[in-house]
Amino acid sequence: MQSKLFDNSKADLQINLLPKDGQAHYLPALFDEAQCAHFFNALSVSLDWQADQLIMFGQPITTRRKVAWVGDPGCSYTYSGTQKFPQPWTPELLLIKRKIEATAGWECNSCLLNFYADGSEGMGWHSDDEKELASDAPIASLSLGGVRKFAFRHKSEKITRSLFLENGSLLLMQAPTQQYWQHSLLKTKTEVAARINLTFRKIVHQAFVT
């Protein structure tokens, strides 16, 4: 299997981390350490964090990882057999959203947040290709807190790529990356600080609930 670990210090939004069938661009420091600490602390207490409920092989699974789904009214989202309805944007999330939209040149209407308490919590291989997501829109992933290893693998070829996501960094995955690649946040036995990951998305199927 072909594999490569990227040097984050040399990567920016002009460099494609993937060799084919997609684009992934990495910006090491969208926010500085003080801003990251402020956002981390605010998001930790201002959102309704819940254990993720998934359906795997027909059975309900409750994860240790906590999640929060935030978005414009009507931006419901279904993944792994569970439908989620959005919490309202907080002031801190709106600040982050505007910065990411200006950096990426694109507008989003929702955000999935994951809270990882330590290195024993991760995310298995998957693609963000649910029917509600705009297939031509990017997914912007912001990391706050502990540094974690993130990996890509091609769906049909034995090609992998990986990098370390730093505090305050932005990973921008452009279309058609989700069609051809899976990604994963790898678990580690190394002691690592808690991490909040924010993935900003565009929902096109809006189920308004009254």
N, C-alpha and C. Protein backbone atom coordinates (compact mmCIF):
# COMPACT_ATOMS: atom_id res chain seq x y z
N MET A 1 0.84 -1.19 0.00
CA MET A 1 0.00 0.00 0.00
C MET A 1 0.88 1.24 0.00
N GLN A 2 0.59 2.16 -0.92
CA GLN A 2 1.35 3.40 -0.99
C GLN A 2 0.87 4.35 0.08
N SER A 3 1.81 4.90 0.86
CA SER A 3 1.42 5.79 1.94
C SER A 3 2.42 6.92 2.06
N LYS A 4 1.93 8.07 2.52
CA LYS A 4 2.80 9.21 2.69
C LYS A 4 2.29 10.08 3.82
N LEU A 5 3.20 10.58 4.65
CA LEU A 5 2.85 11.49 5.72
C LEU A 5 3.27 12.89 5.29
N PHE A 6 2.35 13.84 5.28
CA PHE A 6 2.64 15.16 4.79
C PHE A 6 3.37 16.01 5.83
N ASP A 7 4.25 16.87 5.36
CA ASP A 7 4.92 17.86 6.20
C ASP A 7 4.00 19.07 6.29
N ASN A 8 3.34 19.24 7.44
CA ASN A 8 2.37 20.32 7.58
C ASN A 8 2.97 21.70 7.35
N SER A 9 4.24 21.89 7.69
CA SER A 9 4.85 23.20 7.59
C SER A 9 4.94 23.68 6.15
N LYS A 10 4.87 22.78 5.20
CA LYS A 10 5.00 23.15 3.79
C LYS A 10 3.66 23.16 3.07
N ALA A 11 2.61 22.73 3.75
CA ALA A 11 1.31 22.65 3.11
C ALA A 11 0.50 23.91 3.35
N ASP A 12 -0.23 24.36 2.32
CA ASP A 12 -1.15 25.48 2.48
C ASP A 12 -2.31 25.29 1.52
N LEU A 13 -3.15 26.30 1.40
CA LEU A 13 -4.34 26.13 0.60
C LEU A 13 -4.06 26.09 -0.90
N GLN A 14 -2.81 26.23 -1.32
CA GLN A 14 -2.46 26.13 -2.73
C GLN A 14 -1.97 24.73 -3.09
N ILE A 15 -1.74 23.89 -2.14
CA ILE A 15 -1.15 22.57 -2.38
C ILE A 15 -2.21 21.50 -2.18
N ASN A 16 -2.41 20.66 -3.20
CA ASN A 16 -3.37 19.56 -3.09
C ASN A 16 -2.68 18.37 -2.44
N LEU A 17 -3.22 17.89 -1.33
CA LEU A 17 -2.63 16.77 -0.61
C LEU A 17 -2.93 15.42 -1.25
N LEU A 18 -3.90 15.38 -2.16
CA LEU A 18 -4.31 14.12 -2.76
C LEU A 18 -3.74 13.98 -4.18
N PRO A 19 -3.28 12.78 -4.57
CA PRO A 19 -2.65 12.60 -5.87
C PRO A 19 -3.63 12.53 -7.04
N LYS A 20 -4.92 12.26 -6.75
CA LYS A 20 -5.90 12.11 -7.83
C LYS A 20 -7.31 12.12 -7.25
N ASP A 21 -8.29 12.32 -8.11
CA ASP A 21 -9.71 12.13 -7.77
C ASP A 21 -10.18 12.97 -6.59
N GLY A 22 -9.70 14.19 -6.48
CA GLY A 22 -10.16 15.04 -5.39
C GLY A 22 -9.12 16.09 -5.02
N GLN A 23 -9.50 16.97 -4.11
CA GLN A 23 -8.59 18.00 -3.63
C GLN A 23 -8.77 18.18 -2.13
N ALA A 24 -7.65 18.21 -1.41
CA ALA A 24 -7.65 18.49 0.02
C ALA A 24 -6.52 19.48 0.29
N HIS A 25 -6.85 20.59 0.89
CA HIS A 25 -5.89 21.65 1.13
C HIS A 25 -5.81 21.93 2.63
N TYR A 26 -4.61 22.18 3.12
CA TYR A 26 -4.38 22.32 4.56
C TYR A 26 -3.76 23.67 4.88
N LEU A 27 -4.36 24.37 5.84
CA LEU A 27 -3.84 25.63 6.35
C LEU A 27 -3.53 25.45 7.83
N PRO A 28 -2.24 25.49 8.23
CA PRO A 28 -1.87 25.12 9.60
C PRO A 28 -2.42 26.02 10.70
N ALA A 29 -2.63 27.31 10.44
CA ALA A 29 -2.98 28.23 11.54
C ALA A 29 -4.00 29.25 11.07
N LEU A 30 -5.25 28.85 10.95
CA LEU A 30 -6.30 29.80 10.63
C LEU A 30 -6.56 30.72 11.81
N PHE A 31 -6.44 30.17 13.04
CA PHE A 31 -6.59 30.95 14.26
C PHE A 31 -5.37 30.74 15.15
N ASP A 32 -5.02 31.76 15.96
CA ASP A 32 -3.86 31.63 16.84
C ASP A 32 -4.25 30.90 18.13
N GLU A 33 -3.28 30.63 18.98
CA GLU A 33 -3.53 29.82 20.18
C GLU A 33 -4.52 30.47 21.13
N ALA A 34 -4.45 31.78 21.29
CA ALA A 34 -5.37 32.46 22.19
C ALA A 34 -6.81 32.37 21.66
N GLN A 35 -6.98 32.57 20.37
CA GLN A 35 -8.31 32.45 19.78
C GLN A 35 -8.84 31.03 19.92
N CYS A 36 -7.97 30.05 19.68
CA CYS A 36 -8.38 28.65 19.80
C CYS A 36 -8.83 28.31 21.20
N ALA A 37 -8.09 28.78 22.20
CA ALA A 37 -8.45 28.51 23.60
C ALA A 37 -9.80 29.12 23.93
N HIS A 38 -10.02 30.34 23.45
CA HIS A 38 -11.31 31.00 23.69
C HIS A 38 -12.45 30.22 23.04
N PHE A 39 -12.29 29.85 21.79
CA PHE A 39 -13.34 29.11 21.09
C PHE A 39 -13.59 27.75 21.73
N PHE A 40 -12.52 27.05 22.09
CA PHE A 40 -12.66 25.73 22.70
C PHE A 40 -13.48 25.81 23.99
N ASN A 41 -13.10 26.74 24.84
CA ASN A 41 -13.78 26.87 26.13
C ASN A 41 -15.24 27.27 25.94
N ALA A 42 -15.50 28.20 25.02
CA ALA A 42 -16.87 28.66 24.79
C ALA A 42 -17.74 27.55 24.22
N LEU A 43 -17.23 26.83 23.23
CA LEU A 43 -18.02 25.77 22.61
C LEU A 43 -18.26 24.61 23.56
N SER A 44 -17.33 24.38 24.46
CA SER A 44 -17.46 23.28 25.42
C SER A 44 -18.70 23.43 26.29
N VAL A 45 -19.07 24.69 26.59
CA VAL A 45 -20.17 24.93 27.53
C VAL A 45 -21.42 25.50 26.88
N SER A 46 -21.33 26.00 25.64
CA SER A 46 -22.48 26.68 25.03
C SER A 46 -23.34 25.77 24.16
N LEU A 47 -22.85 24.56 23.85
CA LEU A 47 -23.60 23.65 22.99
C LEU A 47 -24.17 22.48 23.78
N ASP A 48 -25.20 21.87 23.24
CA ASP A 48 -25.79 20.68 23.84
C ASP A 48 -25.09 19.46 23.24
N TRP A 49 -24.05 18.98 23.93
CA TRP A 49 -23.26 17.85 23.46
C TRP A 49 -23.96 16.55 23.85
N GLN A 50 -24.07 15.65 22.88
CA GLN A 50 -24.71 14.36 23.13
C GLN A 50 -23.84 13.24 22.59
N ALA A 51 -23.87 12.08 23.25
CA ALA A 51 -23.21 10.90 22.68
C ALA A 51 -23.85 10.60 21.33
N ASP A 52 -23.02 10.22 20.36
CA ASP A 52 -23.53 9.96 19.01
C ASP A 52 -24.27 8.62 18.99
N GLN A 53 -25.42 8.62 18.35
CA GLN A 53 -26.23 7.41 18.20
C GLN A 53 -26.15 6.94 16.75
N LEU A 54 -25.60 5.74 16.53
CA LEU A 54 -25.40 5.22 15.19
C LEU A 54 -26.10 3.88 15.04
N ILE A 55 -26.40 3.54 13.79
CA ILE A 55 -26.92 2.22 13.48
C ILE A 55 -25.85 1.49 12.67
N MET A 56 -25.29 0.42 13.23
CA MET A 56 -24.25 -0.35 12.56
C MET A 56 -24.67 -1.81 12.50
N PHE A 57 -24.69 -2.35 11.28
CA PHE A 57 -25.11 -3.75 11.07
C PHE A 57 -26.48 -4.01 11.70
N GLY A 58 -27.35 -2.98 11.60
CA GLY A 58 -28.71 -3.12 12.10
C GLY A 58 -28.87 -2.94 13.59
N GLN A 59 -27.78 -2.66 14.30
CA GLN A 59 -27.84 -2.53 15.76
C GLN A 59 -27.51 -1.10 16.19
N PRO A 60 -28.22 -0.55 17.19
CA PRO A 60 -27.90 0.80 17.68
C PRO A 60 -26.59 0.80 18.48
N ILE A 61 -25.76 1.79 18.21
CA ILE A 61 -24.48 1.94 18.89
C ILE A 61 -24.40 3.34 19.48
N THR A 62 -23.95 3.44 20.72
CA THR A 62 -23.72 4.73 21.37
C THR A 62 -22.22 4.94 21.50
N THR A 63 -21.72 6.04 20.95
CA THR A 63 -20.29 6.31 20.97
C THR A 63 -19.89 7.07 22.24
N ARG A 64 -18.62 6.95 22.60
CA ARG A 64 -18.08 7.79 23.68
C ARG A 64 -17.91 9.22 23.18
N ARG A 65 -17.63 9.36 21.91
CA ARG A 65 -17.46 10.68 21.31
C ARG A 65 -18.78 11.46 21.41
N LYS A 66 -18.69 12.73 21.77
CA LYS A 66 -19.86 13.59 21.84
C LYS A 66 -19.98 14.43 20.55
N VAL A 67 -21.22 14.72 20.16
CA VAL A 67 -21.43 15.49 18.94
C VAL A 67 -22.46 16.59 19.18
N ALA A 68 -22.42 17.59 18.30
CA ALA A 68 -23.44 18.65 18.27
C ALA A 68 -23.65 19.03 16.81
N TRP A 69 -24.90 19.14 16.41
CA TRP A 69 -25.25 19.53 15.04
C TRP A 69 -25.87 20.93 15.09
N VAL A 70 -25.28 21.87 14.36
CA VAL A 70 -25.66 23.28 14.40
C VAL A 70 -25.94 23.73 12.96
N GLY A 71 -26.94 24.59 12.78
CA GLY A 71 -27.19 25.06 11.43
C GLY A 71 -28.35 26.01 11.33
N ASP A 72 -28.61 26.44 10.09
CA ASP A 72 -29.75 27.28 9.80
C ASP A 72 -31.04 26.49 10.04
N PRO A 73 -32.17 27.16 10.28
CA PRO A 73 -33.43 26.45 10.45
C PRO A 73 -33.73 25.54 9.25
N GLY A 74 -34.16 24.33 9.53
CA GLY A 74 -34.50 23.40 8.47
C GLY A 74 -33.38 22.51 8.00
N CYS A 75 -32.17 22.74 8.51
CA CYS A 75 -31.02 21.95 8.04
C CYS A 75 -30.91 20.65 8.83
N SER A 76 -31.84 19.75 8.62
CA SER A 76 -31.72 18.43 9.24
C SER A 76 -30.71 17.61 8.48
N TYR A 77 -30.15 16.60 9.15
CA TYR A 77 -29.05 15.83 8.56
C TYR A 77 -29.14 14.40 9.07
N THR A 78 -29.07 13.45 8.15
CA THR A 78 -29.17 12.04 8.53
C THR A 78 -27.89 11.31 8.14
N TYR A 79 -27.25 10.67 9.11
CA TYR A 79 -26.10 9.81 8.81
C TYR A 79 -26.13 8.63 9.78
N SER A 80 -25.61 7.51 9.29
CA SER A 80 -25.59 6.26 10.07
C SER A 80 -26.95 5.92 10.64
N GLY A 81 -28.01 6.24 9.89
CA GLY A 81 -29.35 5.85 10.29
C GLY A 81 -30.01 6.74 11.33
N THR A 82 -29.39 7.87 11.67
CA THR A 82 -29.95 8.75 12.69
C THR A 82 -30.13 10.16 12.13
N GLN A 83 -31.32 10.73 12.33
CA GLN A 83 -31.58 12.08 11.86
C GLN A 83 -31.31 13.08 12.98
N LYS A 84 -30.65 14.18 12.61
CA LYS A 84 -30.32 15.21 13.58
C LYS A 84 -30.93 16.54 13.14
N PHE A 85 -31.42 17.30 14.13
CA PHE A 85 -32.00 18.61 13.87
C PHE A 85 -31.10 19.68 14.51
N PRO A 86 -30.93 20.81 13.83
CA PRO A 86 -29.87 21.74 14.23
C PRO A 86 -30.16 22.55 15.49
N GLN A 87 -29.12 22.72 16.28
CA GLN A 87 -29.10 23.75 17.31
C GLN A 87 -28.81 25.08 16.62
N PRO A 88 -29.18 26.21 17.23
CA PRO A 88 -28.89 27.51 16.62
C PRO A 88 -27.40 27.85 16.71
N TRP A 89 -26.97 28.69 15.79
CA TRP A 89 -25.58 29.18 15.81
C TRP A 89 -25.31 29.98 17.08
N THR A 90 -24.15 29.78 17.65
CA THR A 90 -23.70 30.60 18.77
C THR A 90 -22.85 31.74 18.24
N PRO A 91 -22.63 32.80 19.03
CA PRO A 91 -21.79 33.91 18.55
C PRO A 91 -20.40 33.46 18.12
N GLU A 92 -19.79 32.54 18.89
CA GLU A 92 -18.45 32.07 18.54
C GLU A 92 -18.47 31.30 17.22
N LEU A 93 -19.48 30.46 17.03
CA LEU A 93 -19.57 29.70 15.79
C LEU A 93 -19.78 30.61 14.58
N LEU A 94 -20.53 31.68 14.75
CA LEU A 94 -20.74 32.60 13.64
C LEU A 94 -19.43 33.32 13.28
N LEU A 95 -18.62 33.65 14.28
CA LEU A 95 -17.32 34.26 14.00
C LEU A 95 -16.44 33.29 13.21
N ILE A 96 -16.39 32.04 13.66
CA ILE A 96 -15.59 31.03 12.96
C ILE A 96 -16.14 30.82 11.55
N LYS A 97 -17.44 30.72 11.42
CA LYS A 97 -18.09 30.50 10.12
C LYS A 97 -17.70 31.59 9.12
N ARG A 98 -17.79 32.84 9.53
CA ARG A 98 -17.46 33.95 8.63
C ARG A 98 -16.00 33.91 8.19
N LYS A 99 -15.11 33.55 9.12
CA LYS A 99 -13.68 33.47 8.78
C LYS A 99 -13.43 32.36 7.77
N ILE A 100 -14.05 31.21 7.98
CA ILE A 100 -13.86 30.08 7.07
C ILE A 100 -14.46 30.39 5.70
N GLU A 101 -15.63 31.01 5.66
CA GLU A 101 -16.25 31.36 4.39
C GLU A 101 -15.39 32.34 3.61
N ALA A 102 -14.79 33.31 4.30
CA ALA A 102 -13.91 34.27 3.63
C ALA A 102 -12.65 33.59 3.11
N THR A 103 -12.13 32.65 3.88
CA THR A 103 -10.90 31.94 3.48
C THR A 103 -11.16 31.00 2.31
N ALA A 104 -12.28 30.28 2.36
CA ALA A 104 -12.57 29.27 1.35
C ALA A 104 -13.31 29.82 0.14
N GLY A 105 -13.87 31.02 0.24
CA GLY A 105 -14.63 31.58 -0.86
C GLY A 105 -15.91 30.81 -1.13
N TRP A 106 -16.61 30.43 -0.06
CA TRP A 106 -17.79 29.57 -0.17
C TRP A 106 -18.64 29.78 1.08
N GLU A 107 -19.96 29.61 0.94
CA GLU A 107 -20.87 29.80 2.06
C GLU A 107 -21.44 28.46 2.52
N CYS A 108 -21.52 28.29 3.83
CA CYS A 108 -22.07 27.06 4.40
C CYS A 108 -23.32 27.41 5.21
N ASN A 109 -24.10 26.38 5.56
CA ASN A 109 -25.30 26.64 6.35
C ASN A 109 -25.44 25.70 7.55
N SER A 110 -24.38 24.92 7.83
CA SER A 110 -24.46 23.95 8.92
C SER A 110 -23.07 23.54 9.37
N CYS A 111 -23.01 22.91 10.55
CA CYS A 111 -21.73 22.48 11.10
C CYS A 111 -21.94 21.28 12.02
N LEU A 112 -21.18 20.23 11.79
CA LEU A 112 -21.15 19.08 12.68
C LEU A 112 -19.91 19.17 13.55
N LEU A 113 -20.10 19.18 14.87
CA LEU A 113 -18.99 19.27 15.80
C LEU A 113 -18.82 17.94 16.53
N ASN A 114 -17.57 17.51 16.67
CA ASN A 114 -17.23 16.29 17.41
C ASN A 114 -16.29 16.66 18.54
N PHE A 115 -16.57 16.12 19.73
CA PHE A 115 -15.72 16.36 20.90
C PHE A 115 -15.03 15.04 21.25
N TYR A 116 -13.69 15.04 21.16
CA TYR A 116 -12.88 13.86 21.48
C TYR A 116 -12.15 14.14 22.80
N ALA A 117 -12.50 13.40 23.84
CA ALA A 117 -11.93 13.66 25.17
C ALA A 117 -10.45 13.32 25.24
N ASP A 118 -10.02 12.28 24.49
CA ASP A 118 -8.63 11.86 24.51
C ASP A 118 -8.35 11.01 23.27
N GLY A 119 -7.14 10.45 23.21
CA GLY A 119 -6.73 9.71 22.04
C GLY A 119 -7.43 8.39 21.82
N SER A 120 -8.15 7.89 22.84
CA SER A 120 -8.87 6.63 22.68
C SER A 120 -10.15 6.80 21.87
N GLU A 121 -10.56 8.03 21.64
CA GLU A 121 -11.74 8.31 20.85
C GLU A 121 -11.33 8.77 19.46
N GLY A 122 -11.91 8.17 18.44
CA GLY A 122 -11.57 8.52 17.07
C GLY A 122 -12.79 8.41 16.18
N MET A 123 -12.53 8.36 14.88
CA MET A 123 -13.59 8.24 13.88
C MET A 123 -13.16 7.22 12.85
N GLY A 124 -14.00 6.20 12.60
CA GLY A 124 -13.67 5.17 11.63
C GLY A 124 -13.73 5.67 10.20
N TRP A 125 -13.35 4.80 9.28
CA TRP A 125 -13.32 5.15 7.86
C TRP A 125 -14.72 5.44 7.34
N HIS A 126 -14.87 6.57 6.65
CA HIS A 126 -16.15 6.96 6.10
C HIS A 126 -15.96 8.06 5.07
N SER A 127 -17.01 8.35 4.32
CA SER A 127 -17.06 9.51 3.43
C SER A 127 -18.26 10.36 3.83
N ASP A 128 -18.13 11.66 3.70
CA ASP A 128 -19.25 12.57 3.97
C ASP A 128 -20.02 12.77 2.67
N ASP A 129 -20.85 11.78 2.34
CA ASP A 129 -21.54 11.80 1.06
C ASP A 129 -23.04 11.58 1.20
N GLU A 130 -23.61 11.98 2.34
CA GLU A 130 -25.04 11.81 2.55
C GLU A 130 -25.84 12.67 1.57
N LYS A 131 -27.07 12.25 1.31
CA LYS A 131 -27.87 12.86 0.26
C LYS A 131 -28.18 14.33 0.54
N GLU A 132 -28.20 14.75 1.80
CA GLU A 132 -28.52 16.14 2.12
C GLU A 132 -27.38 17.11 1.78
N LEU A 133 -26.16 16.60 1.64
CA LEU A 133 -25.00 17.46 1.42
C LEU A 133 -24.87 17.84 -0.06
N ALA A 134 -24.58 19.11 -0.32
CA ALA A 134 -24.34 19.57 -1.68
C ALA A 134 -23.10 18.87 -2.23
N SER A 135 -23.25 18.11 -3.29
CA SER A 135 -22.15 17.29 -3.79
C SER A 135 -21.03 18.11 -4.40
N ASP A 136 -21.31 19.36 -4.80
CA ASP A 136 -20.29 20.19 -5.42
C ASP A 136 -19.67 21.18 -4.44
N ALA A 137 -20.09 21.14 -3.17
CA ALA A 137 -19.58 22.07 -2.17
C ALA A 137 -18.45 21.43 -1.36
N PRO A 138 -17.49 22.23 -0.89
CA PRO A 138 -16.43 21.69 -0.05
C PRO A 138 -16.93 21.39 1.36
N ILE A 139 -16.14 20.64 2.10
CA ILE A 139 -16.33 20.47 3.54
C ILE A 139 -15.09 21.03 4.22
N ALA A 140 -15.30 21.98 5.12
CA ALA A 140 -14.20 22.67 5.79
C ALA A 140 -14.10 22.18 7.22
N SER A 141 -12.95 21.63 7.59
CA SER A 141 -12.75 21.01 8.90
C SER A 141 -11.75 21.83 9.72
N LEU A 142 -12.23 22.39 10.84
CA LEU A 142 -11.39 23.16 11.75
C LEU A 142 -11.08 22.35 12.99
N SER A 143 -9.83 22.35 13.42
CA SER A 143 -9.39 21.61 14.60
C SER A 143 -9.07 22.57 15.74
N LEU A 144 -9.60 22.26 16.94
CA LEU A 144 -9.29 23.02 18.15
C LEU A 144 -8.82 22.04 19.21
N GLY A 145 -7.67 22.31 19.83
CA GLY A 145 -7.19 21.46 20.91
C GLY A 145 -6.08 20.52 20.48
N GLY A 146 -6.13 19.29 21.00
CA GLY A 146 -5.05 18.34 20.80
C GLY A 146 -4.77 17.99 19.34
N VAL A 147 -3.50 17.78 19.03
CA VAL A 147 -3.08 17.42 17.68
C VAL A 147 -3.39 15.94 17.43
N ARG A 148 -4.06 15.65 16.32
CA ARG A 148 -4.44 14.28 16.01
C ARG A 148 -4.07 13.92 14.57
N LYS A 149 -3.82 12.63 14.35
CA LYS A 149 -3.48 12.14 13.01
C LYS A 149 -4.75 11.83 12.23
N PHE A 150 -4.79 12.33 11.00
CA PHE A 150 -5.94 12.19 10.12
C PHE A 150 -5.47 11.51 8.84
N ALA A 151 -6.27 10.59 8.31
CA ALA A 151 -5.82 9.82 7.16
C ALA A 151 -6.89 9.75 6.07
N PHE A 152 -6.42 9.67 4.84
CA PHE A 152 -7.26 9.43 3.68
C PHE A 152 -6.91 8.06 3.10
N ARG A 153 -7.89 7.37 2.50
CA ARG A 153 -7.59 6.20 1.69
C ARG A 153 -8.54 6.19 0.49
N HIS A 154 -7.98 5.87 -0.67
CA HIS A 154 -8.76 5.83 -1.90
C HIS A 154 -9.70 4.63 -1.87
N LYS A 155 -10.90 4.79 -2.41
CA LYS A 155 -11.90 3.74 -2.33
C LYS A 155 -11.61 2.55 -3.24
N SER A 156 -10.91 2.76 -4.34
CA SER A 156 -10.70 1.67 -5.28
C SER A 156 -9.23 1.34 -5.54
N GLU A 157 -8.32 2.18 -5.08
CA GLU A 157 -6.89 1.93 -5.27
C GLU A 157 -6.18 1.93 -3.93
N LYS A 158 -5.05 1.25 -3.86
CA LYS A 158 -4.31 1.14 -2.60
C LYS A 158 -3.42 2.35 -2.40
N ILE A 159 -4.06 3.48 -2.17
CA ILE A 159 -3.36 4.75 -1.95
C ILE A 159 -3.86 5.35 -0.64
N THR A 160 -2.95 5.73 0.23
CA THR A 160 -3.33 6.42 1.46
C THR A 160 -2.50 7.69 1.61
N ARG A 161 -3.04 8.63 2.33
CA ARG A 161 -2.34 9.86 2.69
C ARG A 161 -2.72 10.20 4.12
N SER A 162 -1.81 10.80 4.88
CA SER A 162 -2.13 11.18 6.25
C SER A 162 -1.39 12.44 6.65
N LEU A 163 -1.90 13.11 7.66
CA LEU A 163 -1.28 14.33 8.18
C LEU A 163 -1.73 14.54 9.61
N PHE A 164 -1.01 15.39 10.34
CA PHE A 164 -1.40 15.75 11.69
C PHE A 164 -2.17 17.07 11.65
N LEU A 165 -3.37 17.07 12.24
CA LEU A 165 -4.21 18.26 12.29
C LEU A 165 -3.88 19.05 13.55
N GLU A 166 -3.35 20.24 13.36
CA GLU A 166 -2.87 21.06 14.47
C GLU A 166 -3.98 21.95 15.03
N ASN A 167 -3.75 22.45 16.23
CA ASN A 167 -4.65 23.38 16.87
C ASN A 167 -4.82 24.62 16.01
N GLY A 168 -6.07 24.95 15.65
CA GLY A 168 -6.33 26.13 14.83
C GLY A 168 -6.22 25.92 13.34
N SER A 169 -5.99 24.68 12.91
CA SER A 169 -5.78 24.41 11.49
C SER A 169 -7.09 24.19 10.75
N LEU A 170 -7.03 24.41 9.44
CA LEU A 170 -8.18 24.21 8.56
C LEU A 170 -7.82 23.20 7.48
N LEU A 171 -8.64 22.16 7.33
CA LEU A 171 -8.52 21.20 6.24
C LEU A 171 -9.73 21.38 5.35
N LEU A 172 -9.50 21.73 4.08
CA LEU A 172 -10.57 22.00 3.14
C LEU A 172 -10.62 20.88 2.11
N MET A 173 -11.70 20.11 2.14
CA MET A 173 -11.88 18.99 1.20
C MET A 173 -12.86 19.40 0.11
N GLN A 174 -12.34 19.53 -1.11
CA GLN A 174 -13.14 19.96 -2.24
C GLN A 174 -13.76 18.76 -2.96
N ALA A 175 -14.86 19.01 -3.65
CA ALA A 175 -15.45 17.98 -4.52
C ALA A 175 -14.47 17.65 -5.64
N PRO A 176 -14.41 16.37 -6.10
CA PRO A 176 -15.24 15.23 -5.69
C PRO A 176 -14.56 14.30 -4.68
N THR A 177 -13.84 14.86 -3.72
CA THR A 177 -13.08 14.05 -2.76
C THR A 177 -13.94 12.98 -2.09
N GLN A 178 -15.14 13.35 -1.64
CA GLN A 178 -15.97 12.39 -0.90
C GLN A 178 -16.42 11.22 -1.78
N GLN A 179 -16.47 11.43 -3.09
CA GLN A 179 -16.88 10.36 -4.00
C GLN A 179 -15.83 9.28 -4.13
N TYR A 180 -14.55 9.66 -4.04
CA TYR A 180 -13.46 8.71 -4.32
C TYR A 180 -12.62 8.34 -3.10
N TRP A 181 -12.73 9.10 -2.01
CA TRP A 181 -11.87 8.88 -0.85
C TRP A 181 -12.69 8.70 0.42
N GLN A 182 -12.18 7.89 1.34
CA GLN A 182 -12.66 7.84 2.71
C GLN A 182 -11.63 8.53 3.61
N HIS A 183 -12.06 8.92 4.80
CA HIS A 183 -11.12 9.52 5.75
C HIS A 183 -11.42 9.02 7.16
N SER A 184 -10.43 9.18 8.04
CA SER A 184 -10.54 8.65 9.40
C SER A 184 -9.70 9.49 10.35
N LEU A 185 -10.19 9.65 11.59
CA LEU A 185 -9.37 10.22 12.66
C LEU A 185 -8.86 9.03 13.47
N LEU A 186 -7.56 8.81 13.42
CA LEU A 186 -6.98 7.60 14.00
C LEU A 186 -6.85 7.71 15.52
N LYS A 187 -7.15 6.63 16.20
CA LYS A 187 -6.97 6.57 17.64
C LYS A 187 -5.48 6.45 17.96
N THR A 188 -5.12 6.83 19.17
CA THR A 188 -3.73 6.76 19.59
C THR A 188 -3.63 6.45 21.07
N LYS A 189 -2.57 5.72 21.47
CA LYS A 189 -2.31 5.47 22.88
C LYS A 189 -1.45 6.58 23.49
N THR A 190 -0.95 7.46 22.66
CA THR A 190 -0.18 8.60 23.14
C THR A 190 -1.09 9.58 23.87
N GLU A 191 -0.64 10.11 24.98
CA GLU A 191 -1.44 11.08 25.72
C GLU A 191 -1.63 12.33 24.88
N VAL A 192 -2.87 12.75 24.71
CA VAL A 192 -3.17 13.91 23.88
C VAL A 192 -4.32 14.68 24.50
N ALA A 193 -4.30 15.98 24.34
CA ALA A 193 -5.33 16.83 24.91
C ALA A 193 -6.66 16.62 24.20
N ALA A 194 -7.74 17.04 24.86
CA ALA A 194 -9.07 16.98 24.25
C ALA A 194 -9.09 17.82 22.97
N ARG A 195 -9.97 17.44 22.07
CA ARG A 195 -10.04 18.11 20.76
C ARG A 195 -11.50 18.29 20.36
N ILE A 196 -11.79 19.47 19.79
CA ILE A 196 -13.07 19.71 19.15
C ILE A 196 -12.82 19.88 17.66
N ASN A 197 -13.55 19.13 16.86
CA ASN A 197 -13.47 19.25 15.40
C ASN A 197 -14.79 19.84 14.89
N LEU A 198 -14.69 20.83 14.03
CA LEU A 198 -15.86 21.47 13.44
C LEU A 198 -15.82 21.26 11.93
N THR A 199 -16.83 20.61 11.38
CA THR A 199 -16.89 20.42 9.93
C THR A 199 -18.06 21.22 9.38
N PHE A 200 -17.73 22.27 8.63
CA PHE A 200 -18.73 23.16 8.06
C PHE A 200 -19.18 22.61 6.72
N ARG A 201 -20.51 22.60 6.50
CA ARG A 201 -21.10 21.93 5.35
C ARG A 201 -22.20 22.78 4.74
N LYS A 202 -22.66 22.34 3.55
CA LYS A 202 -23.81 22.96 2.92
C LYS A 202 -24.89 21.91 2.70
N ILE A 203 -26.04 22.10 3.37
CA ILE A 203 -27.18 21.21 3.23
C ILE A 203 -28.08 21.72 2.10
N VAL A 204 -28.48 20.84 1.21
CA VAL A 204 -29.37 21.25 0.11
C VAL A 204 -30.78 20.73 0.30
N HIS A 205 -30.93 19.61 1.02
CA HIS A 205 -32.26 19.08 1.31
C HIS A 205 -32.64 19.56 2.69
N GLN A 206 -33.57 20.48 2.78
CA GLN A 206 -33.95 21.07 4.06
C GLN A 206 -35.33 20.59 4.45
N ALA A 207 -35.42 19.86 5.54
CA ALA A 207 -36.69 19.33 6.03
C ALA A 207 -37.20 20.23 7.13
N PHE A 208 -38.12 21.12 6.81
CA PHE A 208 -38.64 22.05 7.80
C PHE A 208 -39.65 21.33 8.69
N VAL A 209 -39.47 21.49 9.98
CA VAL A 209 -40.31 20.81 10.96
C VAL A 209 -41.14 21.86 11.71
N THR A 210 -42.43 21.63 11.84
CA THR A 210 -43.30 22.56 12.55
C THR A 210 -43.86 21.89 13.78
